[in-house]
Amino acid sequence: LKDGVIEIRRFMFDLRPTMLQDHGLSPTLRRYVEDYNRFFAKRIQLKVDEPLPALTPEQELTIFRIVQEALQNVHKHAGVDASAAIELSHDDASLFLTIADTGRGFH
């Protein structure tokens, strides 16, 4: 039952993280990566170039969804011992999201 409740909370967070609206992108990504590491026993590192520029709610949600999908792909395809690094950086005109993993890769 305890595991079921944890799983339901994770699904709720994944669907529409209210934390994103309440606290912004950086804290939400940090929490998601921490939870992901704990839940899947992975080694995912997150680096965010603070402070981030002002983003619309749609932009924040899009970035969150990209990270979310990338981590799901790491879980599904990279192998049990794979780790990953996520970096969110910016310059005056652009925001850069880099995601790399140590998975098996493909041809």
Protein backbone atom coordinates (compact mmCIF):
# COMPACT_ATOMS: atom_id res chain seq x y z
CA LEU A 1 0.00 0.00 0.00
CA LYS A 2 2.82 2.36 0.90
CA ASP A 3 4.51 1.71 -2.47
CA GLY A 4 1.18 2.29 -4.21
CA VAL A 5 0.72 5.68 -2.54
CA ILE A 6 4.26 6.69 -3.51
CA GLU A 7 3.60 5.65 -7.10
CA ILE A 8 0.33 7.60 -7.24
CA ARG A 9 2.02 10.72 -5.87
CA ARG A 10 4.75 10.39 -8.48
CA PHE A 11 2.16 10.07 -11.26
CA MET A 12 0.31 13.12 -9.98
CA PHE A 13 3.53 15.13 -9.92
CA ASP A 14 4.40 13.92 -13.41
CA LEU A 15 1.03 14.88 -14.89
CA ARG A 16 0.89 18.49 -13.82
CA PRO A 17 3.47 19.60 -11.29
CA THR A 18 1.81 22.34 -9.26
CA MET A 19 5.27 23.01 -7.90
CA LEU A 20 6.14 24.39 -11.33
CA GLN A 21 3.46 27.06 -10.96
CA ASP A 22 4.24 27.73 -7.30
CA HIS A 23 8.05 27.68 -7.26
CA GLY A 24 9.32 27.83 -10.84
CA LEU A 25 11.38 25.66 -13.13
CA SER A 26 14.66 25.23 -11.20
CA PRO A 27 13.18 23.96 -7.92
CA THR A 28 10.76 21.73 -9.82
CA LEU A 29 13.54 20.16 -11.88
CA ARG A 30 15.65 19.65 -8.77
CA ARG A 31 12.78 17.92 -6.99
CA TYR A 32 11.97 15.80 -10.03
CA VAL A 33 15.58 14.65 -10.41
CA GLU A 34 15.88 13.90 -6.68
CA ASP A 35 12.67 11.86 -6.75
CA TYR A 36 13.72 10.14 -9.96
CA ASN A 37 17.10 9.18 -8.48
CA ARG A 38 15.45 7.82 -5.36
CA PHE A 39 12.66 5.97 -7.14
CA PHE A 40 14.74 4.37 -9.90
CA ALA A 41 18.11 4.18 -8.05
CA LYS A 42 19.80 6.18 -10.81
CA ARG A 43 22.62 8.71 -10.82
CA ILE A 44 21.22 11.75 -12.56
CA GLN A 45 23.01 15.07 -12.09
CA LEU A 46 21.37 18.42 -12.66
CA LYS A 47 23.14 21.72 -13.22
CA VAL A 48 21.11 24.91 -13.64
CA ASP A 49 22.70 28.23 -14.58
CA GLU A 50 20.97 30.52 -12.09
CA PRO A 51 19.19 32.82 -12.31
CA LEU A 52 17.21 31.67 -15.30
CA PRO A 53 15.68 34.28 -17.57
CA ALA A 54 11.97 34.94 -17.25
CA LEU A 55 10.00 32.19 -18.98
CA THR A 56 6.32 31.84 -19.73
CA PRO A 57 4.41 29.06 -17.97
CA GLU A 58 4.20 27.24 -21.31
CA GLN A 59 7.97 27.45 -21.81
CA GLU A 60 8.62 26.14 -18.30
CA LEU A 61 6.20 23.26 -18.80
CA THR A 62 7.77 22.41 -22.17
CA ILE A 63 11.28 22.27 -20.68
CA PHE A 64 10.00 20.17 -17.78
CA ARG A 65 8.31 17.74 -20.21
CA ILE A 66 11.49 17.42 -22.30
CA VAL A 67 13.51 16.53 -19.19
CA GLN A 68 10.79 14.17 -18.05
CA GLU A 69 10.73 12.32 -21.39
CA ALA A 70 14.52 12.19 -21.61
CA LEU A 71 14.74 10.60 -18.17
CA GLN A 72 12.08 8.08 -19.09
CA ASN A 73 14.17 7.18 -22.13
CA VAL A 74 17.24 6.78 -19.93
CA HIS A 75 15.25 4.45 -17.70
CA LYS A 76 13.88 2.41 -20.60
CA HIS A 77 16.86 2.25 -22.94
CA ALA A 78 20.17 3.22 -21.34
CA GLY A 79 20.61 0.22 -19.05
CA VAL A 80 20.53 -0.31 -15.32
CA ASP A 81 23.98 1.14 -14.64
CA ALA A 82 23.58 4.22 -16.81
CA SER A 83 23.87 7.68 -15.37
CA ALA A 84 22.91 10.99 -16.94
CA ALA A 85 23.66 14.69 -16.72
CA ILE A 86 21.21 17.50 -17.38
CA GLU A 87 22.39 21.05 -17.85
CA LEU A 88 20.20 24.11 -18.26
CA SER A 89 22.20 27.18 -19.23
CA HIS A 90 21.61 30.45 -21.06
CA ASP A 91 23.15 33.48 -22.65
CA ASP A 92 21.56 36.84 -23.39
CA ALA A 93 19.42 35.48 -26.22
CA SER A 94 18.97 31.73 -25.76
CA LEU A 95 18.27 28.95 -23.29
CA PHE A 96 20.18 25.69 -23.72
CA LEU A 97 19.09 22.31 -22.41
CA THR A 98 21.71 19.55 -22.67
CA ILE A 99 20.96 15.97 -21.67
CA ALA A 100 23.60 13.24 -21.92
CA ASP A 101 23.65 9.68 -20.62
CA THR A 102 26.18 6.88 -20.35
CA GLY A 103 23.88 4.29 -21.89
CA ARG A 104 24.74 1.68 -24.48
CA GLY A 105 23.84 3.90 -27.42
CA PHE A 106 22.86 2.67 -30.86
CA HIS A 107 24.05 2.67 -34.46
